[in-house]
Protein backbone atom coordinates (compact mmCIF):
# COMPACT_ATOMS: atom_id res chain seq x y z
CA MET A 1 -106.65 -199.84 -13.54
CA ILE A 2 -109.60 -200.47 -11.22
CA THR A 3 -112.99 -199.44 -12.59
CA ALA A 4 -115.20 -197.55 -10.16
CA ALA A 5 -118.37 -199.36 -11.23
CA LEU A 6 -119.64 -201.80 -8.60
CA THR A 7 -120.47 -205.33 -9.69
CA ASP A 8 -123.57 -207.16 -8.46
CA GLU A 9 -121.36 -209.14 -6.07
CA GLU A 10 -119.86 -205.92 -4.70
CA LEU A 11 -123.28 -204.33 -4.29
CA GLU A 12 -124.25 -207.23 -2.05
CA ARG A 13 -120.90 -207.39 -0.26
CA TYR A 14 -120.97 -203.69 0.64
CA ALA A 15 -124.73 -203.40 1.12
CA ARG A 16 -124.41 -202.20 4.73
CA HIS A 17 -122.20 -199.34 3.56
CA ILE A 18 -124.38 -198.44 0.62
CA VAL A 19 -127.55 -198.08 2.72
CA LEU A 20 -125.78 -195.47 4.85
CA PRO A 21 -126.74 -192.06 3.41
CA GLU A 22 -123.34 -190.70 4.42
CA ILE A 23 -121.53 -193.28 2.24
CA GLY A 24 -123.94 -194.69 -0.34
CA GLY A 25 -122.93 -195.98 -3.73
CA ALA A 26 -120.77 -192.94 -4.48
CA GLY A 27 -118.79 -193.35 -1.27
CA GLN A 28 -118.29 -197.05 -1.92
CA GLN A 29 -116.97 -196.23 -5.38
CA ARG A 30 -114.48 -193.82 -3.79
CA LEU A 31 -113.33 -196.63 -1.50
CA LYS A 32 -112.92 -198.90 -4.52
CA ARG A 33 -110.81 -196.30 -6.36
CA ALA A 34 -108.64 -195.59 -3.32
CA ARG A 35 -105.01 -196.59 -3.02
CA VAL A 36 -103.94 -196.88 0.64
CA LEU A 37 -100.42 -197.59 1.84
CA VAL A 38 -100.12 -199.30 5.24
CA ILE A 39 -96.76 -199.09 6.98
CA GLY A 40 -96.25 -202.29 8.92
CA ALA A 41 -98.21 -205.54 8.99
CA GLY A 42 -97.87 -205.90 12.75
CA GLY A 43 -100.04 -205.08 15.75
CA LEU A 44 -101.57 -201.90 14.31
CA GLY A 45 -101.28 -202.82 10.65
CA ALA A 46 -103.15 -206.12 11.12
CA PRO A 47 -106.58 -204.65 12.01
CA VAL A 48 -106.04 -201.74 9.62
CA LEU A 49 -105.48 -204.12 6.71
CA GLU A 50 -108.34 -206.41 7.68
CA TYR A 51 -110.94 -203.67 8.02
CA LEU A 52 -109.82 -201.70 4.97
CA ALA A 53 -109.91 -204.89 2.91
CA ALA A 54 -113.39 -205.69 4.19
CA ALA A 55 -114.47 -202.10 3.47
CA GLY A 56 -113.58 -202.49 -0.20
CA ILE A 57 -110.43 -200.42 -0.60
CA GLY A 58 -109.37 -201.01 -4.19
CA THR A 59 -105.62 -201.21 -3.65
CA LEU A 60 -103.74 -201.88 -0.42
CA GLY A 61 -99.99 -201.46 -0.29
CA ILE A 62 -98.12 -203.18 2.56
CA VAL A 63 -94.64 -202.17 3.70
CA ASP A 64 -92.84 -204.60 6.02
CA ASP A 65 -89.47 -206.32 5.92
CA ASP A 66 -90.08 -208.71 8.81
CA ILE A 67 -91.14 -212.35 9.03
CA VAL A 68 -93.91 -213.79 11.19
CA SER A 69 -92.74 -215.08 14.57
CA LEU A 70 -94.68 -216.99 17.20
CA SER A 71 -94.58 -214.05 19.62
CA ASN A 72 -96.34 -211.87 17.01
CA LEU A 73 -99.53 -213.93 17.09
CA GLN A 74 -100.72 -212.59 20.47
CA ARG A 75 -101.69 -209.30 18.76
CA GLN A 76 -100.97 -209.45 15.02
CA VAL A 77 -104.24 -211.17 14.16
CA ILE A 78 -103.84 -211.08 10.39
CA HIS A 79 -101.21 -213.83 10.75
CA ALA A 80 -101.83 -217.43 11.84
CA THR A 81 -99.74 -220.18 13.41
CA GLY A 82 -99.04 -221.75 10.04
CA ASP A 83 -97.58 -218.46 8.82
CA VAL A 84 -94.65 -218.50 11.26
CA GLY A 85 -91.44 -218.01 9.26
CA MET A 86 -93.29 -216.45 6.31
CA ALA A 87 -92.72 -212.86 5.18
CA LYS A 88 -95.34 -210.67 6.83
CA THR A 89 -96.25 -209.11 3.49
CA ASP A 90 -96.96 -212.55 2.02
CA SER A 91 -98.95 -213.69 5.05
CA ALA A 92 -100.97 -210.46 5.13
CA ARG A 93 -101.67 -210.66 1.40
CA ALA A 94 -103.04 -214.20 1.73
CA ALA A 95 -105.33 -213.12 4.59
CA ILE A 96 -106.57 -210.08 2.68
CA ILE A 97 -107.47 -212.18 -0.36
CA ARG A 98 -109.40 -214.56 1.91
CA ILE A 99 -111.33 -211.58 3.32
CA ASN A 100 -111.96 -209.85 0.00
CA PRO A 101 -110.63 -211.17 -3.33
CA ASN A 102 -111.58 -207.89 -5.01
CA VAL A 103 -108.70 -206.05 -3.31
CA VAL A 104 -105.44 -205.57 -5.19
CA VAL A 105 -102.50 -206.09 -2.82
CA GLU A 106 -99.10 -204.54 -3.51
CA GLU A 107 -96.27 -205.94 -1.38
CA HIS A 108 -93.23 -203.85 -0.46
CA ASN A 109 -90.94 -206.22 1.40
CA PHE A 110 -88.38 -203.68 2.55
CA ARG A 111 -87.81 -201.15 5.30
CA LEU A 112 -89.08 -197.64 4.66
CA THR A 113 -86.35 -194.98 4.84
CA VAL A 114 -85.95 -191.28 4.16
CA ASP A 115 -84.54 -192.25 0.76
CA ASN A 116 -87.30 -194.54 -0.54
CA ALA A 117 -90.33 -193.12 1.29
CA PRO A 118 -91.15 -190.16 -1.03
CA THR A 119 -91.26 -192.21 -4.25
CA LEU A 120 -93.36 -194.96 -2.70
CA ILE A 121 -95.78 -192.67 -0.87
CA ALA A 122 -96.40 -190.61 -4.02
CA ARG A 123 -98.02 -193.73 -5.57
CA TYR A 124 -100.84 -193.80 -2.99
CA HIS A 125 -103.70 -191.52 -1.95
CA ILE A 126 -103.54 -192.05 1.83
CA VAL A 127 -100.96 -193.51 4.20
CA VAL A 128 -101.68 -195.33 7.48
CA ASP A 129 -98.66 -195.63 9.75
CA GLY A 130 -98.44 -198.64 12.02
CA SER A 131 -94.68 -198.52 12.53
CA ASP A 132 -93.10 -198.98 15.94
CA ASN A 133 -90.06 -196.67 15.85
CA PHE A 134 -89.45 -192.93 15.56
CA GLU A 135 -87.01 -193.19 12.66
CA THR A 136 -89.70 -194.67 10.41
CA ARG A 137 -92.40 -192.36 11.76
CA TYR A 138 -90.40 -189.24 10.90
CA ALA A 139 -89.54 -190.60 7.46
CA VAL A 140 -93.20 -191.38 6.75
CA ALA A 141 -94.54 -188.10 8.14
CA ASP A 142 -92.00 -185.94 6.31
CA ALA A 143 -92.61 -187.73 3.00
CA CYS A 144 -96.41 -187.48 3.38
CA ALA A 145 -96.11 -183.75 4.08
CA ALA A 146 -93.87 -183.21 1.07
CA GLU A 147 -96.05 -185.29 -1.27
CA GLY A 148 -99.36 -183.88 0.01
CA ARG A 149 -100.71 -187.22 1.26
CA PRO A 150 -102.94 -187.47 4.36
CA LEU A 151 -101.39 -189.58 7.10
CA VAL A 152 -103.25 -191.54 9.76
CA HIS A 153 -100.75 -191.95 12.57
CA ALA A 154 -101.01 -194.04 15.73
CA ALA A 155 -98.82 -195.34 18.53
CA VAL A 156 -99.36 -197.78 21.39
CA GLY A 157 -97.82 -198.43 24.78
CA ARG A 158 -98.46 -201.14 27.33
CA PHE A 159 -102.09 -200.20 28.05
CA ASP A 160 -102.54 -196.95 26.11
CA GLY A 161 -102.63 -195.66 22.58
CA SER A 162 -103.08 -192.54 20.48
CA VAL A 163 -104.40 -191.68 17.01
CA THR A 164 -104.24 -188.52 14.92
CA VAL A 165 -104.58 -187.42 11.28
CA LEU A 166 -101.92 -185.24 9.68
CA LYS A 167 -102.57 -182.91 6.74
CA PRO A 168 -99.93 -180.19 7.22
CA PHE A 169 -100.13 -179.21 3.56
CA GLU A 170 -103.66 -177.83 4.04
CA THR A 171 -105.09 -174.96 6.05
CA GLY A 172 -107.63 -175.31 8.83
CA PRO A 173 -110.90 -173.39 9.32
CA ASP A 174 -108.96 -170.48 10.87
CA GLY A 175 -106.80 -170.11 7.75
CA THR A 176 -103.57 -171.32 9.35
CA LEU A 177 -101.66 -174.38 8.22
CA ASN A 178 -102.57 -177.63 9.92
CA PRO A 179 -99.95 -179.03 12.33
CA SER A 180 -97.38 -181.61 11.30
CA TYR A 181 -95.95 -184.64 13.09
CA ARG A 182 -92.99 -182.52 14.15
CA ASP A 183 -95.38 -180.17 15.95
CA LEU A 184 -96.34 -183.14 18.10
CA PHE A 185 -92.81 -184.51 18.42
CA PRO A 186 -90.17 -181.90 17.50
CA GLU A 187 -87.48 -184.51 18.02
CA ALA A 188 -87.25 -188.17 18.85
CA PRO A 189 -86.78 -189.16 22.50
CA PRO A 190 -83.32 -190.36 23.53
CA PRO A 191 -82.55 -193.99 22.62
CA GLY A 192 -83.82 -196.40 25.24
CA LEU A 193 -86.28 -193.98 26.81
CA VAL A 194 -89.28 -195.63 25.10
CA PRO A 195 -88.91 -199.42 25.50
CA SER A 196 -90.10 -201.77 22.77
CA CYS A 197 -93.10 -204.02 23.33
CA ALA A 198 -90.67 -206.95 23.56
CA VAL A 199 -89.23 -205.31 26.67
CA ALA A 200 -92.25 -203.54 28.17
CA GLY A 201 -95.03 -205.87 27.00
CA ILE A 202 -98.39 -204.95 25.49
CA VAL A 203 -101.98 -206.19 25.65
CA GLY A 204 -102.87 -207.69 22.29
CA ALA A 205 -106.42 -206.34 22.17
CA LEU A 206 -105.10 -202.78 22.58
CA THR A 207 -103.61 -202.83 19.08
CA GLY A 208 -107.00 -203.94 17.79
CA VAL A 209 -108.70 -200.92 19.36
CA ILE A 210 -106.19 -198.41 18.02
CA GLY A 211 -105.73 -200.04 14.62
CA THR A 212 -109.49 -200.14 14.08
CA LEU A 213 -109.68 -196.43 14.90
CA GLN A 214 -107.01 -195.83 12.25
CA ALA A 215 -109.06 -197.77 9.69
CA MET A 216 -112.10 -195.66 10.56
CA GLU A 217 -110.17 -192.43 10.06
CA ALA A 218 -108.93 -193.66 6.67
CA ILE A 219 -112.48 -194.50 5.60
CA LYS A 220 -113.65 -191.04 6.69
CA LEU A 221 -110.88 -189.36 4.70
CA ILE A 222 -111.67 -191.34 1.56
CA THR A 223 -115.44 -190.94 1.67
CA GLY A 224 -115.40 -187.37 2.97
CA ILE A 225 -117.64 -188.06 5.96
CA GLY A 226 -117.34 -186.77 9.50
CA GLU A 227 -114.49 -184.79 11.02
CA PRO A 228 -111.05 -186.42 10.81
CA LEU A 229 -108.66 -186.10 13.74
CA VAL A 230 -106.71 -183.23 12.17
CA GLY A 231 -105.10 -181.14 14.90
CA ARG A 232 -106.50 -183.50 17.51
CA LEU A 233 -104.77 -186.34 19.30
CA LEU A 234 -107.15 -189.04 20.50
CA LEU A 235 -105.83 -190.77 23.62
CA TYR A 236 -107.04 -194.14 24.89
CA ASP A 237 -106.40 -195.47 28.39
CA ALA A 238 -107.32 -199.15 28.33
CA LEU A 239 -107.08 -199.69 32.09
CA ALA A 240 -109.49 -196.84 32.83
CA ALA A 241 -111.61 -197.48 29.69
CA ARG A 242 -111.34 -193.76 28.92
CA PHE A 243 -110.89 -191.68 25.79
CA ASP A 244 -109.54 -188.12 25.90
CA THR A 245 -108.77 -185.66 23.11
CA ILE A 246 -106.16 -182.93 23.13
CA ARG A 247 -105.77 -180.26 20.46
CA TYR A 248 -102.44 -179.21 19.06
CA LYS A 249 -101.45 -176.50 16.59
CA ARG A 250 -98.80 -175.52 14.11
CA THR A 251 -95.75 -173.96 15.65
CA ASN A 252 -93.84 -171.03 14.15
CA ARG A 253 -91.33 -173.35 12.52
């Protein structure tokens, strides 16, 4: 079990957090106690894992059943050329330890499904979803809702991305339940309608922008600062260099 007390080395490592009144020593201790599960060690998961490790998250769980390929390296910056052929969980773990040896890394080298998601998600405080398919997204979102775990969700296209925070098990300021992932996407689009990045392409830096925003939302949730993107979908258009926000609500379902 991780002790919340900060060592002298940690006080120096996280000094720029600790001098922030909004975070301080107490907030850094909350980060150290936190258990965060990251779904996918790919384009989105790479910056999420790197920044959460650097921030001092005590335990990072990584779910991925893939191996590192050369075509991943254009955007999945947690992996290096020498990691090609290695399991992504192993490669990501090695990178995390290089960034911050204080972080405990838990590898889950399998594909998340509706059957195994609830048990795994129940072991963590917060989930960050960097998956690239609707089947996994629904499985993650439904399990997080059932287990009462906040979910930081994101998706990317060729030159655009979106981020939101889901807490459908809590009520908002107006007393109504917060919206769920199925309020955003009641059902998955028909197969083939949304092409994969292997088919459509994607700018590597885009995943860095969106993944870093996910890491920021996770840090806010853990430390209790700011206003998380609950009921708000943040949209990023890379070509226009523009951010927009749309609000969405719970349906009658």
